[in-house]
Amino acid sequence: MFGIGTTELLVILGIVIVVFGARRLPELGTGIGQAIKNFKKGVSSKDEIDVTPKKEEVAEGEKASGG
């Protein structure tokens, strides 16, 4: 797995525990899981809101009359 062994993973886990604390790890895991879920949902689904501005078409009769 990416050339990372068990020892390296344990060292990284130890650093994460020191930085964030043992009580915050479940919250951190939940937040990362939700972020990944929302990212996958956003990539796979069609855009719900189209923010592209649309050009207004003016009838030619209105252009000629100036109104």
PDB file of N, CA and C in Angstrom:
ATOM      1  N   MET A   1       0.831  -1.178   0.000  1.00  0.00           N
ATOM      2  CA  MET A   1       0.000   0.000   0.000  1.00  0.00           C
ATOM      3  C   MET A   1       0.878   1.244   0.000  1.00  0.00           C
ATOM      4  N   PHE A   2       1.120   1.799  -1.133  1.00  0.00           N
ATOM      5  CA  PHE A   2       1.889   3.030  -1.307  1.00  0.00           C
ATOM      6  C   PHE A   2       3.297   2.935  -0.747  1.00  0.00           C
ATOM      7  N   GLY A   3       3.798   1.744  -0.507  1.00  0.00           N
ATOM      8  CA  GLY A   3       5.152   1.584   0.017  1.00  0.00           C
ATOM      9  C   GLY A   3       5.258   1.954   1.490  1.00  0.00           C
ATOM     10  N   ILE A   4       4.140   2.023   2.206  1.00  0.00           N
ATOM     11  CA  ILE A   4       4.160   2.359   3.630  1.00  0.00           C
ATOM     12  C   ILE A   4       3.954   1.075   4.413  1.00  0.00           C
ATOM     13  N   GLY A   5       4.867   0.823   5.334  1.00  0.00           N
ATOM     14  CA  GLY A   5       4.780  -0.386   6.136  1.00  0.00           C
ATOM     15  C   GLY A   5       4.032  -0.157   7.434  1.00  0.00           C
ATOM     16  N   THR A   6       3.958  -1.217   8.228  1.00  0.00           N
ATOM     17  CA  THR A   6       3.249  -1.165   9.499  1.00  0.00           C
ATOM     18  C   THR A   6       3.893  -0.175  10.461  1.00  0.00           C
ATOM     19  N   THR A   7       5.213  -0.157  10.509  1.00  0.00           N
ATOM     20  CA  THR A   7       5.914   0.749  11.410  1.00  0.00           C
ATOM     21  C   THR A   7       5.613   2.203  11.077  1.00  0.00           C
ATOM     22  N   GLU A   8       5.637   2.537   9.796  1.00  0.00           N
ATOM     23  CA  GLU A   8       5.350   3.915   9.387  1.00  0.00           C
ATOM     24  C   GLU A   8       3.924   4.317   9.742  1.00  0.00           C
ATOM     25  N   LEU A   9       2.965   3.385   9.535  1.00  0.00           N
ATOM     26  CA  LEU A   9       1.578   3.675   9.893  1.00  0.00           C
ATOM     27  C   LEU A   9       1.412   3.901  11.393  1.00  0.00           C
ATOM     28  N   LEU A  10       2.099   3.123  12.207  1.00  0.00           N
ATOM     29  CA  LEU A  10       2.025   3.308  13.655  1.00  0.00           C
ATOM     30  C   LEU A  10       2.624   4.645  14.078  1.00  0.00           C
ATOM     31  N   VAL A  11       3.716   5.050  13.446  1.00  0.00           N
ATOM     32  CA  VAL A  11       4.321   6.344  13.747  1.00  0.00           C
ATOM     33  C   VAL A  11       3.372   7.474  13.375  1.00  0.00           C
ATOM     34  N   ILE A  12       2.743   7.385  12.201  1.00  0.00           N
ATOM     35  CA  ILE A  12       1.784   8.411  11.770  1.00  0.00           C
ATOM     36  C   ILE A  12       0.594   8.453  12.725  1.00  0.00           C
ATOM     37  N   LEU A  13       0.076   7.306  13.127  1.00  0.00           N
ATOM     38  CA  LEU A  13      -1.032   7.248  14.070  1.00  0.00           C
ATOM     39  C   LEU A  13      -0.646   7.870  15.405  1.00  0.00           C
ATOM     40  N   GLY A  14       0.565   7.595  15.869  1.00  0.00           N
ATOM     41  CA  GLY A  14       1.047   8.199  17.114  1.00  0.00           C
ATOM     42  C   GLY A  14       1.119   9.712  17.026  1.00  0.00           C
ATOM     43  N   ILE A  15       1.592  10.232  15.914  1.00  0.00           N
ATOM     44  CA  ILE A  15       1.666  11.679  15.723  1.00  0.00           C
ATOM     45  C   ILE A  15       0.272  12.287  15.694  1.00  0.00           C
ATOM     46  N   VAL A  16      -0.661  11.619  15.026  1.00  0.00           N
ATOM     47  CA  VAL A  16      -2.040  12.117  14.956  1.00  0.00           C
ATOM     48  C   VAL A  16      -2.662  12.149  16.350  1.00  0.00           C
ATOM     49  N   ILE A  17      -2.413  11.131  17.153  1.00  0.00           N
ATOM     50  CA  ILE A  17      -2.961  11.094  18.515  1.00  0.00           C
ATOM     51  C   ILE A  17      -2.372  12.220  19.363  1.00  0.00           C
ATOM     52  N   VAL A  18      -1.083  12.483  19.205  1.00  0.00           N
ATOM     53  CA  VAL A  18      -0.451  13.559  19.968  1.00  0.00           C
ATOM     54  C   VAL A  18      -1.001  14.912  19.540  1.00  0.00           C
ATOM     55  N   VAL A  19      -1.175  15.122  18.245  1.00  0.00           N
ATOM     56  CA  VAL A  19      -1.627  16.417  17.746  1.00  0.00           C
ATOM     57  C   VAL A  19      -3.094  16.667  18.089  1.00  0.00           C
ATOM     58  N   PHE A  20      -3.969  15.715  17.824  1.00  0.00           N
ATOM     59  CA  PHE A  20      -5.402  15.924  17.985  1.00  0.00           C
ATOM     60  C   PHE A  20      -5.950  15.434  19.317  1.00  0.00           C
ATOM     61  N   GLY A  21      -5.287  14.521  19.963  1.00  0.00           N
ATOM     62  CA  GLY A  21      -5.784  13.962  21.210  1.00  0.00           C
ATOM     63  C   GLY A  21      -6.699  12.781  20.944  1.00  0.00           C
ATOM     64  N   ALA A  22      -6.754  11.872  21.904  1.00  0.00           N
ATOM     65  CA  ALA A  22      -7.524  10.648  21.717  1.00  0.00           C
ATOM     66  C   ALA A  22      -9.022  10.906  21.684  1.00  0.00           C
ATOM     67  N   ARG A  23      -9.486  11.948  22.374  1.00  0.00           N
ATOM     68  CA  ARG A  23     -10.924  12.227  22.410  1.00  0.00           C
ATOM     69  C   ARG A  23     -11.434  12.790  21.099  1.00  0.00           C
ATOM     70  N   ARG A  24     -10.591  13.459  20.339  1.00  0.00           N
ATOM     71  CA  ARG A  24     -11.034  14.087  19.093  1.00  0.00           C
ATOM     72  C   ARG A  24     -10.963  13.144  17.892  1.00  0.00           C
ATOM     73  N   LEU A  25     -10.320  11.993  18.028  1.00  0.00           N
ATOM     74  CA  LEU A  25     -10.161  11.078  16.895  1.00  0.00           C
ATOM     75  C   LEU A  25     -11.491  10.597  16.313  1.00  0.00           C
ATOM     76  N   PRO A  26     -12.488  10.205  17.104  1.00  0.00           N
ATOM     77  CA  PRO A  26     -13.761   9.798  16.496  1.00  0.00           C
ATOM     78  C   PRO A  26     -14.435  10.924  15.717  1.00  0.00           C
ATOM     79  N   GLU A  27     -14.362  12.151  16.245  1.00  0.00           N
ATOM     80  CA  GLU A  27     -14.935  13.298  15.528  1.00  0.00           C
ATOM     81  C   GLU A  27     -14.190  13.546  14.225  1.00  0.00           C
ATOM     82  N   LEU A  28     -12.882  13.426  14.276  1.00  0.00           N
ATOM     83  CA  LEU A  28     -12.059  13.623  13.087  1.00  0.00           C
ATOM     84  C   LEU A  28     -12.381  12.567  12.032  1.00  0.00           C
ATOM     85  N   GLY A  29     -12.510  11.316  12.459  1.00  0.00           N
ATOM     86  CA  GLY A  29     -12.848  10.236  11.531  1.00  0.00           C
ATOM     87  C   GLY A  29     -14.220  10.421  10.912  1.00  0.00           C
ATOM     88  N   THR A  30     -15.181  10.852  11.725  1.00  0.00           N
ATOM     89  CA  THR A  30     -16.535  11.097  11.221  1.00  0.00           C
ATOM     90  C   THR A  30     -16.529  12.222  10.197  1.00  0.00           C
ATOM     91  N   GLY A  31     -15.807  13.284  10.498  1.00  0.00           N
ATOM     92  CA  GLY A  31     -15.731  14.427   9.578  1.00  0.00           C
ATOM     93  C   GLY A  31     -15.093  14.053   8.255  1.00  0.00           C
ATOM     94  N   ILE A  32     -14.018  13.277   8.305  1.00  0.00           N
ATOM     95  CA  ILE A  32     -13.344  12.849   7.073  1.00  0.00           C
ATOM     96  C   ILE A  32     -14.255  11.917   6.275  1.00  0.00           C
ATOM     97  N   GLY A  33     -14.946  11.021   6.956  1.00  0.00           N
ATOM     98  CA  GLY A  33     -15.867  10.105   6.271  1.00  0.00           C
ATOM     99  C   GLY A  33     -16.994  10.841   5.570  1.00  0.00           C
ATOM    100  N   GLN A  34     -17.571  11.839   6.239  1.00  0.00           N
ATOM    101  CA  GLN A  34     -18.639  12.623   5.623  1.00  0.00           C
ATOM    102  C   GLN A  34     -18.124  13.440   4.451  1.00  0.00           C
ATOM    103  N   ALA A  35     -16.910  13.963   4.584  1.00  0.00           N
ATOM    104  CA  ALA A  35     -16.330  14.743   3.488  1.00  0.00           C
ATOM    105  C   ALA A  35     -16.123  13.873   2.251  1.00  0.00           C
ATOM    106  N   ILE A  36     -15.624  12.668   2.440  1.00  0.00           N
ATOM    107  CA  ILE A  36     -15.410  11.756   1.315  1.00  0.00           C
ATOM    108  C   ILE A  36     -16.747  11.366   0.692  1.00  0.00           C
ATOM    109  N   LYS A  37     -17.756  11.110   1.521  1.00  0.00           N
ATOM    110  CA  LYS A  37     -19.086  10.743   1.031  1.00  0.00           C
ATOM    111  C   LYS A  37     -19.681  11.872   0.196  1.00  0.00           C
ATOM    112  N   ASN A  38     -19.597  13.099   0.702  1.00  0.00           N
ATOM    113  CA  ASN A  38     -20.140  14.243  -0.032  1.00  0.00           C
ATOM    114  C   ASN A  38     -19.364  14.516  -1.313  1.00  0.00           C
ATOM    115  N   PHE A  39     -18.057  14.301  -1.292  1.00  0.00           N
ATOM    116  CA  PHE A  39     -17.247  14.487  -2.494  1.00  0.00           C
ATOM    117  C   PHE A  39     -17.648  13.494  -3.570  1.00  0.00           C
ATOM    118  N   LYS A  40     -17.797  12.230  -3.207  1.00  0.00           N
ATOM    119  CA  LYS A  40     -18.211  11.208  -4.171  1.00  0.00           C
ATOM    120  C   LYS A  40     -19.600  11.508  -4.718  1.00  0.00           C
ATOM    121  N   LYS A  41     -20.502  11.943  -3.852  1.00  0.00           N
ATOM    122  CA  LYS A  41     -21.856  12.285  -4.279  1.00  0.00           C
ATOM    123  C   LYS A  41     -21.828  13.461  -5.242  1.00  0.00           C
ATOM    124  N   GLY A  42     -21.017  14.450  -4.952  1.00  0.00           N
ATOM    125  CA  GLY A  42     -20.925  15.626  -5.810  1.00  0.00           C
ATOM    126  C   GLY A  42     -20.310  15.324  -7.160  1.00  0.00           C
ATOM    127  N   VAL A  43     -19.340  14.435  -7.194  1.00  0.00           N
ATOM    128  CA  VAL A  43     -18.683  14.097  -8.458  1.00  0.00           C
ATOM    129  C   VAL A  43     -19.590  13.244  -9.338  1.00  0.00           C
ATOM    130  N   SER A  44     -20.349  12.329  -8.724  1.00  0.00           N
ATOM    131  CA  SER A  44     -21.133  11.383  -9.516  1.00  0.00           C
ATOM    132  C   SER A  44     -22.495  11.927  -9.941  1.00  0.00           C
ATOM    133  N   SER A  45     -23.019  12.902  -9.216  1.00  0.00           N
ATOM    134  CA  SER A  45     -24.356  13.390  -9.549  1.00  0.00           C
ATOM    135  C   SER A  45     -24.290  14.607 -10.449  1.00  0.00           C
ATOM    136  N   LYS A  46     -25.421  14.855 -11.111  1.00  0.00           N
ATOM    137  CA  LYS A  46     -25.533  16.016 -11.977  1.00  0.00           C
ATOM    138  C   LYS A  46     -25.687  17.255 -11.109  1.00  0.00           C
ATOM    139  N   ASP A  47     -25.204  18.380 -11.602  1.00  0.00           N
ATOM    140  CA  ASP A  47     -25.328  19.624 -10.851  1.00  0.00           C
ATOM    141  C   ASP A  47     -26.792  19.942 -10.615  1.00  0.00           C
ATOM    142  N   GLU A  48     -27.130  20.256  -9.377  1.00  0.00           N
ATOM    143  CA  GLU A  48     -28.504  20.572  -9.045  1.00  0.00           C
ATOM    144  C   GLU A  48     -28.831  22.016  -9.379  1.00  0.00           C
ATOM    145  N   ILE A  49     -27.858  22.887  -9.231  1.00  0.00           N
ATOM    146  CA  ILE A  49     -28.083  24.302  -9.481  1.00  0.00           C
ATOM    147  C   ILE A  49     -27.161  24.744 -10.601  1.00  0.00           C
ATOM    148  N   ASP A  50     -27.750  25.319 -11.633  1.00  0.00           N
ATOM    149  CA  ASP A  50     -26.968  25.843 -12.739  1.00  0.00           C
ATOM    150  C   ASP A  50     -26.795  27.341 -12.519  1.00  0.00           C
ATOM    151  N   VAL A  51     -25.562  27.761 -12.271  1.00  0.00           N
ATOM    152  CA  VAL A  51     -25.300  29.167 -11.980  1.00  0.00           C
ATOM    153  C   VAL A  51     -24.804  29.926 -13.205  1.00  0.00           C
ATOM    154  N   THR A  52     -24.856  29.305 -14.364  1.00  0.00           N
ATOM    155  CA  THR A  52     -24.427  29.958 -15.585  1.00  0.00           C
ATOM    156  C   THR A  52     -25.437  31.036 -15.960  1.00  0.00           C
ATOM    157  N   PRO A  53     -24.967  32.281 -16.115  1.00  0.00           N
ATOM    158  CA  PRO A  53     -25.925  33.339 -16.484  1.00  0.00           C
ATOM    159  C   PRO A  53     -26.444  33.131 -17.895  1.00  0.00           C
ATOM    160  N   LYS A  54     -27.739  33.339 -18.072  1.00  0.00           N
ATOM    161  CA  LYS A  54     -28.351  33.173 -19.383  1.00  0.00           C
ATOM    162  C   LYS A  54     -28.528  34.542 -20.025  1.00  0.00           C
ATOM    163  N   LYS A  55     -28.304  34.586 -21.309  1.00  0.00           N
ATOM    164  CA  LYS A  55     -28.479  35.834 -22.040  1.00  0.00           C
ATOM    165  C   LYS A  55     -29.963  36.043 -22.302  1.00  0.00           C
ATOM    166  N   GLU A  56     -30.403  37.259 -22.062  1.00  0.00           N
ATOM    167  CA  GLU A  56     -31.801  37.576 -22.329  1.00  0.00           C
ATOM    168  C   GLU A  56     -31.957  37.889 -23.805  1.00  0.00           C
ATOM    169  N   GLU A  57     -32.921  37.259 -24.415  1.00  0.00           N
ATOM    170  CA  GLU A  57     -33.182  37.507 -25.827  1.00  0.00           C
ATOM    171  C   GLU A  57     -34.278  38.545 -25.945  1.00  0.00           C
ATOM    172  N   VAL A  58     -33.977  39.600 -26.664  1.00  0.00           N
ATOM    173  CA  VAL A  58     -34.934  40.679 -26.867  1.00  0.00           C
ATOM    174  C   VAL A  58     -35.529  40.538 -28.256  1.00  0.00           C
ATOM    175  N   ALA A  59     -36.840  40.634 -28.324  1.00  0.00           N
ATOM    176  CA  ALA A  59     -37.502  40.521 -29.629  1.00  0.00           C
ATOM    177  C   ALA A  59     -37.060  41.668 -30.528  1.00  0.00           C
ATOM    178  N   GLU A  60     -36.962  41.377 -31.813  1.00  0.00           N
ATOM    179  CA  GLU A  60     -36.474  42.382 -32.744  1.00  0.00           C
ATOM    180  C   GLU A  60     -37.421  43.576 -32.818  1.00  0.00           C
ATOM    181  N   GLY A  61     -38.691  43.386 -32.648  1.00  0.00           N
ATOM    182  CA  GLY A  61     -39.660  44.475 -32.686  1.00  0.00           C
ATOM    183  C   GLY A  61     -39.432  45.458 -31.542  1.00  0.00           C
ATOM    184  N   GLU A  62     -39.019  44.946 -30.377  1.00  0.00           N
ATOM    185  CA  GLU A  62     -38.763  45.800 -29.231  1.00  0.00           C
ATOM    186  C   GLU A  62     -37.507  46.623 -29.434  1.00  0.00           C
ATOM    187  N   LYS A  63     -36.505  46.042 -30.135  1.00  0.00           N
ATOM    188  CA  LYS A  63     -35.272  46.781 -30.411  1.00  0.00           C
ATOM    189  C   LYS A  63     -35.572  47.981 -31.302  1.00  0.00           C
ATOM    190  N   ALA A  64     -36.369  47.780 -32.334  1.00  0.00           N
ATOM    191  CA  ALA A  64     -36.659  48.837 -33.301  1.00  0.00           C
ATOM    192  C   ALA A  64     -37.483  49.955 -32.674  1.00  0.00           C
ATOM    193  N   SER A  65     -38.380  49.623 -31.759  1.00  0.00           N
ATOM    194  CA  SER A  65     -39.243  50.639 -31.176  1.00  0.00           C
ATOM    195  C   SER A  65     -38.548  51.376 -30.019  1.00  0.00           C
ATOM    196  N   GLY A  66     -37.387  50.817 -29.580  1.00  0.00           N
ATOM    197  CA  GLY A  66     -36.634  51.473 -28.518  1.00  0.00           C
ATOM    198  C   GLY A  66     -37.174  51.184 -27.144  1.00  0.00           C
ATOM    199  N   GLY A  67     -37.990  50.214 -26.980  1.00  0.00           N
ATOM    200  CA  GLY A  67     -38.601  49.982 -25.687  1.00  0.00           C
ATOM    201  C   GLY A  67     -38.437  48.611 -25.246  1.00  0.00           C
TER     202      GLY A  67
END
